[in-house]
Amino acid sequence: MKKVIKNNYKLLVGILIGLVISVSSVYAVEAYIESNKVSYDNHSEKITKKDNVQESIDELYERSGIHKEKWIDKELNGADPVLKDPLIPVEIKPNGEVYYANLNSEWYNYSEKRWANAVILTDTAGEYSVGDHILEKDIESYFVWIPRYQYKIWDLGQYSEAYTFNRLTDDQSNRENDTTLWKLAGSNSKLIDIKFGNIENTPKMNESEAKLNEYYTHPAFTLGNKDLNGIWVGKFETGYKGANSKQNAQLNREEPTSIIIKPDVYSWRNISIKNMFMNSYNYKRILDSHMLKNTEWGAIAYLSHSAYGIGNEVNTNNSADFKTGYSTTSNIDQRIYPGIAVESTDMINIQPWNTAFGYLASTSGNISGIYDMSGGAWEYMAACVKGQVGSSDFNINELEKQITDGYIDEYLADSSRESYNKRILGDATGELGPFYSYLESSGWSGLHSSWYADNSNFIDSSNPWPFRGGINSDGVLTGQFYFSSWTGSEYEYYSFRIALAVQ
């Protein structure tokens, strides 16, 4: 009997030693991985060793019997990415290489401005496992996670007109005065105070509850009767699959199978709003895909101008060919002297998304963010003036159904060009005041916000559909805070973006 007890004791000690060795091995390997993970600081390109040892880590955990939980970013307070097939979580290296992310490791970190990314593969893609390098040819679309958040109200946006002055007057004293005002017109930007949280700790709020200097849950995280922990947003403007020129990407058709969301593709343009909407809606119904709304654009813009984003105006994509994911190399005057000049559109003074200049066109200031929110093509939003279909190809019944279902933002019927007080709080329009009207060097009189002097035309009954971001040739008027309006008709300069409301 004593011998049995002794043997059992030896067996127990052996098991414990084995577990210690296994656990030590796991943490040693993880420490090694942590020291070699992809770094976004200063846009460095440290090569990760994670893809070479991931299978060993999984095996060690399995053999030790220890359960490892999924990575959770504590800063998000429960608003971590929601994944569902066919979305695949990925980490993108600074050089643009894409790797299948391990959910048990730190694949995103918003405090470090590393936003969560995911991709959808093509139908012809091969099989991939955690840690694998995913080939670009096998990727159909890229998406970026915008976590649910509240933001601190700094301005309720109650502006009903723009201050008018002429900075091109012949009188020297007036010119100096107007120049001072003109500089002030682009100097009111501020870092937006944001608190992340899930549905439970950041409940839905009505505008009537919003108070100056208090936190307000952003409306982008409510879609119809659904409250969301966040939204996945197309990393680039929507492209047309197979187009080999900017002309070939101009097709007005309902053809969701031709959607592609990638860098260095031709933006899909010259398409009616209804077809933009239906293509987006039917792209991935299982993921609740839909055309980006004006409030959703606002949520991205505000996050970009917080401690978790670039904290500045993003660089302009000034590709004359409407190719996605590019950045100008000459945007410095936009931040110092807004409104003074218009940059040229070309394919020489621009850089792709995976370069130092390219990162400046991203909402995070590095490769993990969202691109093409300044320049590229104008982006129509799924939003309109109440009762106005314009030239969208929607009929009124179709329009009202989508508004009721939450897929289209609705603005007040009496909205007008300068009625910024008709904004939806959070849509990055009225809160960007005060607003100014002055004569440009070209002789054109424009409306500008006090955030980087971006173009600021509100919607009205004649032009009931908003568009955002500016076009490549708008130069310094572009930015994530640019907004204007049009009839809703197809045009060679208008594109769109897709969001996913995954639950």
Protein backbone atom coordinates (compact mmCIF):
# COMPACT_ATOMS: atom_id res chain seq x y z
CA MET A 1 0.00 0.00 0.00
CA LYS A 2 2.80 2.37 0.92
CA LYS A 3 4.54 1.60 -2.38
CA VAL A 4 1.43 2.56 -4.36
CA ILE A 5 1.20 5.86 -2.50
CA LYS A 6 4.85 6.55 -3.19
CA ASN A 7 4.42 5.80 -6.89
CA ASN A 8 1.35 8.03 -7.06
CA TYR A 9 3.32 10.80 -5.40
CA LYS A 10 6.08 10.44 -7.99
CA LEU A 11 3.48 10.49 -10.75
CA LEU A 12 1.89 13.67 -9.37
CA VAL A 13 5.27 15.40 -9.07
CA GLY A 14 6.07 14.39 -12.64
CA ILE A 15 2.81 15.82 -13.93
CA LEU A 16 3.39 19.07 -12.06
CA ILE A 17 6.93 19.40 -13.42
CA GLY A 18 5.63 18.72 -16.92
CA LEU A 19 3.00 21.39 -16.56
CA VAL A 20 5.57 23.91 -15.30
CA ILE A 21 7.83 23.16 -18.26
CA SER A 22 4.91 23.43 -20.68
CA VAL A 23 3.69 26.70 -19.22
CA SER A 24 7.22 28.11 -19.12
CA SER A 25 7.68 27.12 -22.74
CA VAL A 26 4.43 28.80 -23.73
CA TYR A 27 5.27 32.06 -22.04
CA ALA A 28 8.87 31.97 -23.27
CA VAL A 29 7.67 31.57 -26.83
CA GLU A 30 5.07 34.29 -26.36
CA ALA A 31 7.70 36.64 -24.92
CA TYR A 32 9.81 35.96 -27.98
CA ILE A 33 6.87 36.71 -30.25
CA GLU A 34 6.01 39.89 -28.36
CA SER A 35 9.54 41.19 -28.82
CA ASN A 36 9.38 40.53 -32.53
CA LYS A 37 5.81 41.62 -33.34
CA VAL A 38 5.02 44.08 -36.09
CA SER A 39 5.74 47.63 -34.95
CA TYR A 40 3.90 50.68 -36.25
CA ASP A 41 6.05 53.15 -34.35
CA ASN A 42 7.91 55.39 -36.80
CA HIS A 43 6.53 53.16 -39.55
CA SER A 44 9.20 50.52 -38.93
CA GLU A 45 9.02 47.10 -40.53
CA LYS A 46 10.17 44.63 -37.88
CA ILE A 47 9.61 41.16 -39.27
CA THR A 48 7.33 39.04 -37.11
CA LYS A 49 8.31 35.53 -36.16
CA LYS A 50 4.77 34.72 -35.07
CA ASP A 51 3.79 32.97 -38.29
CA ASN A 52 6.67 30.50 -37.89
CA VAL A 53 5.80 29.37 -34.36
CA GLN A 54 2.03 29.69 -34.09
CA GLU A 55 1.40 25.98 -34.51
CA SER A 56 3.92 25.26 -31.74
CA ILE A 57 2.14 27.67 -29.40
CA ASP A 58 -1.22 26.05 -30.05
CA GLU A 59 0.27 22.61 -29.47
CA LEU A 60 1.91 23.69 -26.21
CA TYR A 61 -1.36 25.08 -24.89
CA GLU A 62 -3.21 21.95 -25.90
CA ARG A 63 -0.67 19.63 -24.24
CA SER A 64 -0.52 21.72 -21.04
CA GLY A 65 -4.29 21.71 -20.74
CA ILE A 66 -4.28 25.47 -20.19
CA HIS A 67 -7.06 27.47 -21.86
CA LYS A 68 -5.95 30.74 -23.39
CA GLU A 69 -8.60 33.42 -23.90
CA LYS A 70 -8.95 35.65 -26.94
CA TRP A 71 -7.09 38.94 -26.96
CA ILE A 72 -9.19 41.79 -25.59
CA ASP A 73 -8.17 45.44 -25.80
CA LYS A 74 -9.06 46.77 -22.34
CA GLU A 75 -9.16 50.31 -23.73
CA LEU A 76 -12.22 49.37 -25.80
CA ASN A 77 -14.23 48.55 -22.69
CA GLY A 78 -16.04 45.67 -24.38
CA ALA A 79 -16.30 47.13 -27.89
CA ASP A 80 -13.86 44.63 -29.41
CA PRO A 81 -14.25 43.46 -33.04
CA VAL A 82 -17.16 41.17 -33.88
CA LEU A 83 -16.13 38.52 -36.41
CA LYS A 84 -18.26 36.25 -38.56
CA ASP A 85 -17.57 34.20 -41.67
CA PRO A 86 -16.37 35.13 -44.24
CA LEU A 87 -14.46 37.87 -42.35
CA ILE A 88 -10.89 36.84 -41.52
CA PRO A 89 -8.94 38.81 -38.89
CA VAL A 90 -5.59 40.03 -40.17
CA GLU A 91 -2.51 41.95 -39.20
CA ILE A 92 -1.04 44.17 -41.90
CA LYS A 93 2.67 44.86 -41.83
CA PRO A 94 3.89 48.38 -42.63
CA ASN A 95 4.99 47.17 -46.07
CA GLY A 96 1.43 46.02 -46.84
CA GLU A 97 1.86 42.28 -46.35
CA VAL A 98 -1.21 40.66 -44.83
CA TYR A 99 -1.11 37.84 -42.25
CA TYR A 100 -3.90 35.73 -40.80
CA ALA A 101 -4.18 37.02 -37.22
CA ASN A 102 -4.09 34.87 -34.12
CA LEU A 103 -7.12 35.85 -32.00
CA ASN A 104 -5.21 34.85 -28.86
CA SER A 105 -2.50 37.44 -29.45
CA GLU A 106 -2.44 41.23 -29.64
CA TRP A 107 -3.60 41.73 -33.23
CA TYR A 108 -4.92 45.27 -32.61
CA ASN A 109 -4.37 47.94 -29.97
CA TYR A 110 -6.27 51.23 -30.21
CA SER A 111 -4.17 52.96 -27.54
CA GLU A 112 -1.24 52.42 -29.90
CA LYS A 113 -3.37 53.53 -32.89
CA ARG A 114 -3.35 50.01 -34.34
CA TRP A 115 -6.89 49.53 -35.60
CA ALA A 116 -8.34 46.05 -36.15
CA ASN A 117 -8.45 44.85 -39.77
CA ALA A 118 -10.20 41.97 -41.51
CA VAL A 119 -10.43 40.72 -45.07
CA ILE A 120 -12.81 38.74 -47.22
CA LEU A 121 -11.16 36.32 -49.63
CA THR A 122 -12.02 35.71 -53.27
CA ASP A 123 -13.98 32.62 -54.27
CA THR A 124 -10.85 31.18 -55.87
CA ALA A 125 -8.53 31.74 -52.90
CA GLY A 126 -6.67 28.82 -51.40
CA GLU A 127 -7.01 27.71 -47.78
CA TYR A 128 -5.26 29.74 -45.11
CA SER A 129 -4.52 29.09 -41.43
CA VAL A 130 -3.56 31.30 -38.52
CA GLY A 131 -0.15 32.87 -39.12
CA ASP A 132 -0.19 32.40 -42.89
CA HIS A 133 0.82 35.17 -45.26
CA ILE A 134 -2.35 35.90 -47.28
CA LEU A 135 -1.55 36.67 -50.90
CA GLU A 136 -2.90 39.95 -52.26
CA LYS A 137 -4.42 38.20 -55.27
CA ASP A 138 -6.60 36.15 -52.90
CA ILE A 139 -8.06 39.19 -51.12
CA GLU A 140 -11.36 40.60 -52.36
CA SER A 141 -11.96 43.28 -49.74
CA TYR A 142 -10.41 44.96 -46.69
CA PHE A 143 -12.37 46.24 -43.69
CA VAL A 144 -11.44 48.23 -40.56
CA TRP A 145 -13.21 48.08 -37.18
CA ILE A 146 -14.72 51.28 -35.74
CA PRO A 147 -15.48 50.44 -32.08
CA ARG A 148 -18.60 51.77 -30.37
CA TYR A 149 -17.86 54.96 -28.45
CA GLN A 150 -19.12 58.09 -26.75
CA TYR A 151 -17.56 61.46 -27.50
CA LYS A 152 -17.49 64.65 -25.47
CA ILE A 153 -19.66 67.35 -27.03
CA TRP A 154 -17.57 70.44 -27.75
CA ASP A 155 -20.12 72.24 -29.97
CA LEU A 156 -23.82 71.56 -30.51
CA GLY A 157 -23.62 72.82 -34.09
CA GLN A 158 -26.37 75.42 -33.92
CA TYR A 159 -25.19 77.50 -36.91
CA SER A 160 -27.76 78.81 -39.38
CA GLU A 161 -25.46 80.85 -41.64
CA ALA A 162 -21.86 81.46 -42.61
CA TYR A 163 -19.82 84.58 -41.87
CA THR A 164 -19.01 86.30 -45.19
CA PHE A 165 -15.84 88.22 -46.03
CA ASN A 166 -13.76 88.92 -49.13
CA ARG A 167 -10.08 88.17 -48.74
CA LEU A 168 -9.31 89.35 -52.29
CA THR A 169 -10.30 93.00 -51.75
CA ASP A 170 -8.21 95.78 -53.29
CA ASP A 171 -8.02 97.71 -50.03
CA GLN A 172 -4.82 96.78 -48.19
CA SER A 173 -6.22 97.22 -44.67
CA ASN A 174 -9.27 95.14 -45.49
CA ARG A 175 -7.07 92.54 -47.11
CA GLU A 176 -5.00 92.19 -43.94
CA ASN A 177 -8.13 91.95 -41.83
CA ASP A 178 -9.69 89.39 -44.14
CA THR A 179 -6.49 87.36 -44.20
CA THR A 180 -6.58 87.17 -40.41
CA LEU A 181 -10.19 86.02 -40.50
CA TRP A 182 -9.38 83.57 -43.25
CA LYS A 183 -6.65 81.97 -41.14
CA LEU A 184 -9.05 81.77 -38.21
CA ALA A 185 -11.50 79.96 -40.49
CA GLY A 186 -9.23 76.94 -40.47
CA SER A 187 -7.96 76.99 -36.90
CA ASN A 188 -10.81 75.69 -34.74
CA SER A 189 -9.97 71.98 -34.91
CA LYS A 190 -9.43 70.13 -31.65
CA LEU A 191 -8.63 66.64 -30.42
CA ILE A 192 -11.95 64.86 -29.85
CA ASP A 193 -12.38 63.24 -26.44
CA ILE A 194 -13.58 59.66 -26.94
CA LYS A 195 -14.56 56.85 -24.53
CA PHE A 196 -15.09 53.36 -25.95
CA GLY A 197 -17.70 51.02 -24.58
CA ASN A 198 -20.04 48.18 -25.43
CA ILE A 199 -23.83 48.38 -25.71
CA GLU A 200 -24.29 47.97 -21.96
CA ASN A 201 -21.96 50.73 -20.79
CA THR A 202 -22.57 53.19 -23.66
CA PRO A 203 -26.36 53.09 -24.11
CA LYS A 204 -28.15 54.60 -27.08
CA MET A 205 -28.98 58.30 -26.63
CA ASN A 206 -31.33 60.78 -28.26
CA GLU A 207 -30.10 64.18 -29.42
CA SER A 208 -32.25 65.81 -26.75
CA GLU A 209 -29.97 64.19 -24.17
CA ALA A 210 -26.80 65.74 -25.64
CA LYS A 211 -25.26 68.47 -23.50
CA LEU A 212 -22.17 70.59 -24.00
CA ASN A 213 -19.06 69.12 -22.37
CA GLU A 214 -20.81 65.84 -21.61
CA TYR A 215 -20.40 62.46 -23.32
CA TYR A 216 -22.81 61.41 -26.06
CA THR A 217 -23.12 57.94 -27.61
CA HIS A 218 -22.41 58.27 -31.32
CA PRO A 219 -25.52 57.47 -33.43
CA ALA A 220 -23.53 55.47 -35.99
CA PHE A 221 -23.74 52.48 -33.66
CA THR A 222 -27.49 52.16 -34.02
CA LEU A 223 -28.83 50.69 -37.26
CA GLY A 224 -32.62 50.64 -37.31
CA ASN A 225 -33.59 48.65 -34.21
CA LYS A 226 -30.10 47.16 -33.81
CA ASP A 227 -27.51 48.41 -31.35
CA LEU A 228 -23.98 47.59 -32.45
CA ASN A 229 -20.66 47.11 -30.65
CA GLY A 230 -19.04 48.70 -33.68
CA ILE A 231 -19.01 48.66 -37.48
CA TRP A 232 -16.61 47.31 -40.07
CA VAL A 233 -15.89 49.94 -42.75
CA GLY A 234 -14.37 49.51 -46.20
CA LYS A 235 -10.69 50.37 -45.90
CA PHE A 236 -10.78 51.98 -49.34
CA GLU A 237 -13.36 53.42 -51.71
CA THR A 238 -15.27 50.68 -53.48
CA GLY A 239 -13.63 49.56 -56.72
CA TYR A 240 -14.91 47.73 -59.79
CA LYS A 241 -13.45 44.24 -60.13
CA GLY A 242 -11.49 43.74 -63.33
CA ALA A 243 -11.38 47.39 -64.43
CA ASN A 244 -8.05 48.18 -66.09
CA SER A 245 -8.65 51.92 -66.55
CA LYS A 246 -10.61 54.70 -64.87
CA GLN A 247 -13.03 54.65 -67.82
CA ASN A 248 -13.72 50.93 -67.39
CA ALA A 249 -14.72 51.52 -63.76
CA GLN A 250 -17.64 53.75 -64.79
CA LEU A 251 -20.67 51.47 -64.97
CA ASN A 252 -24.17 52.18 -63.78
CA ARG A 253 -25.37 48.70 -62.89
CA GLU A 254 -26.55 46.58 -60.01
CA GLU A 255 -23.75 44.02 -59.85
CA PRO A 256 -22.57 43.28 -56.30
CA THR A 257 -20.30 40.46 -57.51
CA SER A 258 -18.08 43.13 -59.10
CA ILE A 259 -17.29 44.82 -55.78
CA ILE A 260 -13.66 44.96 -54.76
CA ILE A 261 -12.23 46.95 -51.84
CA LYS A 262 -8.47 47.07 -52.17
CA PRO A 263 -5.55 49.44 -52.66
CA ASP A 264 -4.44 50.40 -56.17
CA VAL A 265 -7.76 49.63 -57.90
CA TYR A 266 -10.03 51.94 -59.90
CA SER A 267 -12.84 53.47 -57.88
CA TRP A 268 -16.32 52.47 -59.08
CA ARG A 269 -17.96 55.67 -60.39
CA ASN A 270 -20.72 57.01 -62.63
CA ILE A 271 -23.30 54.88 -60.86
CA SER A 272 -26.70 55.97 -59.51
CA ILE A 273 -27.24 56.17 -55.78
CA LYS A 274 -29.84 53.43 -55.94
CA ASN A 275 -27.36 51.07 -57.61
CA MET A 276 -24.66 52.09 -55.11
CA PHE A 277 -27.11 51.28 -52.34
CA MET A 278 -28.30 47.95 -53.76
CA ASN A 279 -24.77 46.78 -54.60
CA SER A 280 -23.67 47.56 -51.05
CA TYR A 281 -26.77 45.99 -49.50
CA ASN A 282 -26.45 42.75 -51.48
CA TYR A 283 -22.67 42.45 -51.25
CA LYS A 284 -22.65 40.32 -48.08
CA ARG A 285 -26.14 40.08 -46.60
CA ILE A 286 -24.88 37.63 -43.98
CA LEU A 287 -22.70 40.48 -42.64
CA ASP A 288 -25.45 43.11 -43.00
CA SER A 289 -23.48 45.01 -45.63
CA HIS A 290 -24.81 48.44 -46.58
CA MET A 291 -23.84 51.73 -48.18
CA LEU A 292 -22.00 54.00 -45.73
CA LYS A 293 -24.29 56.52 -44.03
CA ASN A 294 -23.46 60.16 -43.26
CA THR A 295 -23.45 59.46 -39.52
CA GLU A 296 -21.09 56.52 -40.06
CA TRP A 297 -18.71 58.77 -41.97
CA GLY A 298 -18.88 61.14 -38.99
CA ALA A 299 -17.96 58.34 -36.58
CA ILE A 300 -14.84 57.53 -38.62
CA ALA A 301 -13.87 61.20 -38.95
CA TYR A 302 -14.21 61.84 -35.21
CA LEU A 303 -12.20 58.74 -34.30
CA SER A 304 -9.48 59.86 -36.72
CA HIS A 305 -9.22 63.19 -34.90
CA SER A 306 -8.91 61.66 -31.42
CA ALA A 307 -6.02 60.31 -29.37
CA TYR A 308 -6.66 56.98 -31.13
CA GLY A 309 -6.24 58.33 -34.67
CA ILE A 310 -3.98 60.55 -36.74
CA GLY A 311 -5.20 63.61 -34.79
CA ASN A 312 -4.94 65.80 -37.86
CA GLU A 313 -6.42 66.17 -41.31
CA VAL A 314 -5.54 63.15 -43.45
CA ASN A 315 -3.51 63.58 -46.61
CA THR A 316 -5.32 63.85 -49.93
CA ASN A 317 -5.45 61.07 -52.50
CA ASN A 318 -4.79 63.17 -55.60
CA SER A 319 -4.64 60.33 -58.12
CA ALA A 320 -5.99 61.63 -61.42
CA ASP A 321 -6.87 58.03 -62.30
CA PHE A 322 -9.14 57.59 -59.25
CA LYS A 323 -6.97 54.78 -57.93
CA THR A 324 -7.46 53.85 -54.30
CA GLY A 325 -5.02 54.09 -51.40
CA TYR A 326 -2.72 56.89 -52.60
CA SER A 327 -1.45 60.02 -50.87
CA THR A 328 -0.13 63.37 -52.07
CA THR A 329 3.41 64.27 -51.06
CA SER A 330 2.63 68.00 -50.83
CA ASN A 331 -0.08 68.52 -48.22
CA ILE A 332 1.85 70.63 -45.73
CA ASP A 333 0.27 73.94 -46.83
CA GLN A 334 -3.16 72.45 -46.17
CA ARG A 335 -2.46 72.36 -42.43
CA ILE A 336 -0.81 75.80 -42.18
CA TYR A 337 -2.59 77.95 -44.77
CA PRO A 338 -5.97 76.40 -45.52
CA GLY A 339 -7.74 77.47 -48.67
CA ILE A 340 -4.74 79.17 -50.28
CA ALA A 341 -4.09 76.86 -53.22
CA VAL A 342 -5.33 73.85 -55.11
CA GLU A 343 -2.96 70.98 -55.69
CA SER A 344 -2.59 69.37 -59.08
CA THR A 345 -3.80 65.85 -59.72
CA ASP A 346 -1.13 63.55 -61.06
CA MET A 347 0.50 60.17 -60.65
CA ILE A 348 3.99 61.55 -59.95
CA ASN A 349 3.77 63.47 -56.66
CA ILE A 350 1.86 60.74 -54.85
CA GLN A 351 2.76 57.61 -52.93
CA PRO A 352 0.88 54.33 -52.26
CA TRP A 353 -0.70 53.32 -48.97
CA ASN A 354 2.30 51.33 -47.67
CA THR A 355 4.81 54.20 -47.61
CA ALA A 356 5.63 57.02 -45.18
CA PHE A 357 3.48 59.49 -47.13
CA GLY A 358 0.82 56.85 -47.64
CA TYR A 359 0.39 56.44 -43.88
CA LEU A 360 -0.53 60.15 -43.66
CA ALA A 361 -3.58 59.47 -45.82
CA SER A 362 -4.82 56.93 -43.25
CA THR A 363 -7.18 57.79 -40.41
CA SER A 364 -4.83 56.17 -37.90
CA GLY A 365 -1.62 57.70 -39.28
CA ASN A 366 -0.33 54.22 -40.08
CA ILE A 367 -1.26 51.33 -42.35
CA SER A 368 -4.00 50.00 -40.03
CA GLY A 369 -6.47 52.83 -40.71
CA ILE A 370 -8.98 53.83 -43.39
CA TYR A 371 -7.93 55.47 -46.67
CA ASP A 372 -9.44 57.71 -49.39
CA MET A 373 -11.36 59.91 -46.95
CA SER A 374 -9.75 62.94 -48.55
CA GLY A 375 -9.60 63.24 -52.32
CA GLY A 376 -9.91 60.31 -54.67
CA ALA A 377 -13.55 60.46 -55.79
CA TRP A 378 -16.46 62.22 -54.10
CA GLU A 379 -18.29 59.67 -51.99
CA TYR A 380 -22.07 59.71 -51.93
CA MET A 381 -23.59 58.94 -48.53
CA ALA A 382 -26.73 56.93 -47.76
CA ALA A 383 -28.51 60.03 -46.46
CA CYS A 384 -31.07 62.46 -47.87
CA VAL A 385 -33.52 65.29 -47.21
CA LYS A 386 -36.93 64.08 -46.05
CA GLY A 387 -39.32 63.41 -48.94
CA GLN A 388 -36.72 64.12 -51.67
CA VAL A 389 -35.50 61.36 -53.98
CA GLY A 390 -33.71 63.77 -56.34
CA SER A 391 -32.08 61.94 -59.25
CA SER A 392 -31.16 58.89 -57.18
CA ASP A 393 -33.39 56.43 -59.15
CA PHE A 394 -35.18 55.56 -55.88
CA ASN A 395 -38.93 56.00 -55.77
CA ILE A 396 -40.37 57.54 -52.62
CA ASN A 397 -41.71 54.25 -51.23
CA GLU A 398 -38.36 52.50 -51.65
CA LEU A 399 -36.61 55.43 -50.03
CA GLU A 400 -38.91 55.61 -47.03
CA LYS A 401 -38.57 51.88 -46.40
CA GLN A 402 -34.78 52.09 -46.24
CA ILE A 403 -35.00 55.14 -43.96
CA THR A 404 -37.36 53.25 -41.65
CA ASP A 405 -35.05 50.22 -41.64
CA GLY A 406 -32.15 52.50 -40.65
CA TYR A 407 -30.03 52.16 -43.78
CA ILE A 408 -30.44 55.80 -44.87
CA ASP A 409 -30.06 58.87 -42.65
CA GLU A 410 -32.91 61.36 -43.00
CA TYR A 411 -32.52 65.14 -42.67
CA LEU A 412 -35.19 67.76 -42.06
CA ALA A 413 -37.31 68.84 -45.04
CA ASP A 414 -36.42 72.53 -44.61
CA SER A 415 -32.65 71.94 -44.75
CA SER A 416 -30.76 74.53 -46.79
CA ARG A 417 -27.22 75.25 -47.98
CA GLU A 418 -26.19 77.04 -44.77
CA SER A 419 -28.60 75.47 -42.26
CA TYR A 420 -25.86 73.67 -40.36
CA ASN A 421 -28.18 73.53 -37.35
CA LYS A 422 -30.21 70.87 -39.22
CA ARG A 423 -27.30 68.46 -38.75
CA ILE A 424 -27.56 65.06 -37.11
CA LEU A 425 -25.31 65.31 -34.09
CA GLY A 426 -22.22 63.22 -34.81
CA ASP A 427 -22.31 63.45 -38.62
CA ALA A 428 -19.27 65.80 -38.74
CA THR A 429 -21.12 68.76 -40.28
CA GLY A 430 -22.69 71.38 -37.96
CA GLU A 431 -20.29 70.70 -35.10
CA LEU A 432 -17.40 71.94 -37.25
CA GLY A 433 -18.52 75.57 -37.05
CA PRO A 434 -18.40 78.47 -37.14
CA PHE A 435 -18.59 78.63 -40.92
CA TYR A 436 -17.20 81.16 -43.38
CA SER A 437 -17.86 82.25 -46.95
CA TYR A 438 -15.08 83.92 -48.89
CA LEU A 439 -13.79 84.33 -52.41
CA GLU A 440 -11.22 81.81 -53.56
CA SER A 441 -8.19 82.73 -55.67
CA SER A 442 -10.04 81.22 -58.62
CA GLY A 443 -12.87 83.74 -58.15
CA TRP A 444 -15.26 81.09 -56.84
CA SER A 445 -17.03 81.90 -53.59
CA GLY A 446 -17.08 78.91 -51.27
CA LEU A 447 -18.34 77.86 -47.85
CA HIS A 448 -15.80 76.59 -45.35
CA SER A 449 -15.80 75.12 -41.87
CA SER A 450 -13.43 76.29 -39.17
CA TRP A 451 -11.81 72.85 -39.25
CA TYR A 452 -9.03 73.15 -41.86
CA ALA A 453 -11.34 75.40 -43.97
CA ASP A 454 -12.79 72.28 -45.62
CA ASN A 455 -15.64 72.75 -48.07
CA SER A 456 -18.94 72.95 -46.14
CA ASN A 457 -22.17 72.94 -48.15
CA PHE A 458 -25.18 71.48 -46.37
CA ILE A 459 -27.94 69.56 -48.20
CA ASP A 460 -31.20 71.12 -49.41
CA SER A 461 -34.31 70.10 -51.36
CA SER A 462 -32.60 70.72 -54.73
CA ASN A 463 -29.46 68.81 -53.76
CA PRO A 464 -30.80 66.30 -51.23
CA TRP A 465 -27.92 63.80 -51.17
CA PRO A 466 -24.66 64.53 -49.30
CA PHE A 467 -21.21 63.55 -50.48
CA ARG A 468 -17.98 63.60 -48.53
CA GLY A 469 -14.21 63.80 -48.67
CA GLY A 470 -13.68 65.97 -51.74
CA ILE A 471 -12.35 64.98 -55.13
CA ASN A 472 -8.69 64.67 -56.09
CA SER A 473 -8.71 68.08 -57.84
CA ASP A 474 -10.26 69.90 -54.85
CA GLY A 475 -6.80 70.08 -53.29
CA VAL A 476 -6.72 71.85 -49.94
CA LEU A 477 -10.52 71.96 -49.73
CA THR A 478 -10.55 68.18 -49.24
CA GLY A 479 -10.44 66.24 -46.00
CA GLN A 480 -12.39 63.89 -43.77
CA PHE A 481 -14.41 66.95 -42.66
CA TYR A 482 -15.41 68.00 -46.19
CA PHE A 483 -19.15 67.86 -46.94
CA SER A 484 -21.32 69.01 -49.82
CA SER A 485 -24.46 67.93 -51.69
CA TRP A 486 -25.80 67.00 -55.12
CA THR A 487 -28.91 65.70 -56.82
CA GLY A 488 -28.14 62.01 -56.45
CA SER A 489 -27.52 61.41 -60.16
CA GLU A 490 -24.68 59.27 -61.47
CA TYR A 491 -21.53 61.18 -62.37
CA GLU A 492 -18.01 60.19 -63.31
CA TYR A 493 -16.58 61.75 -60.13
CA TYR A 494 -18.83 60.01 -57.55
CA SER A 495 -18.09 56.73 -55.78
CA PHE A 496 -19.25 55.03 -52.54
CA ARG A 497 -18.10 53.04 -49.55
CA ILE A 498 -19.43 49.93 -47.77
CA ALA A 499 -19.97 49.17 -44.08
CA LEU A 500 -20.80 45.93 -42.26
CA ALA A 501 -23.11 45.81 -39.22
CA VAL A 502 -21.99 42.42 -37.87
CA GLN A 503 -23.64 41.13 -34.69
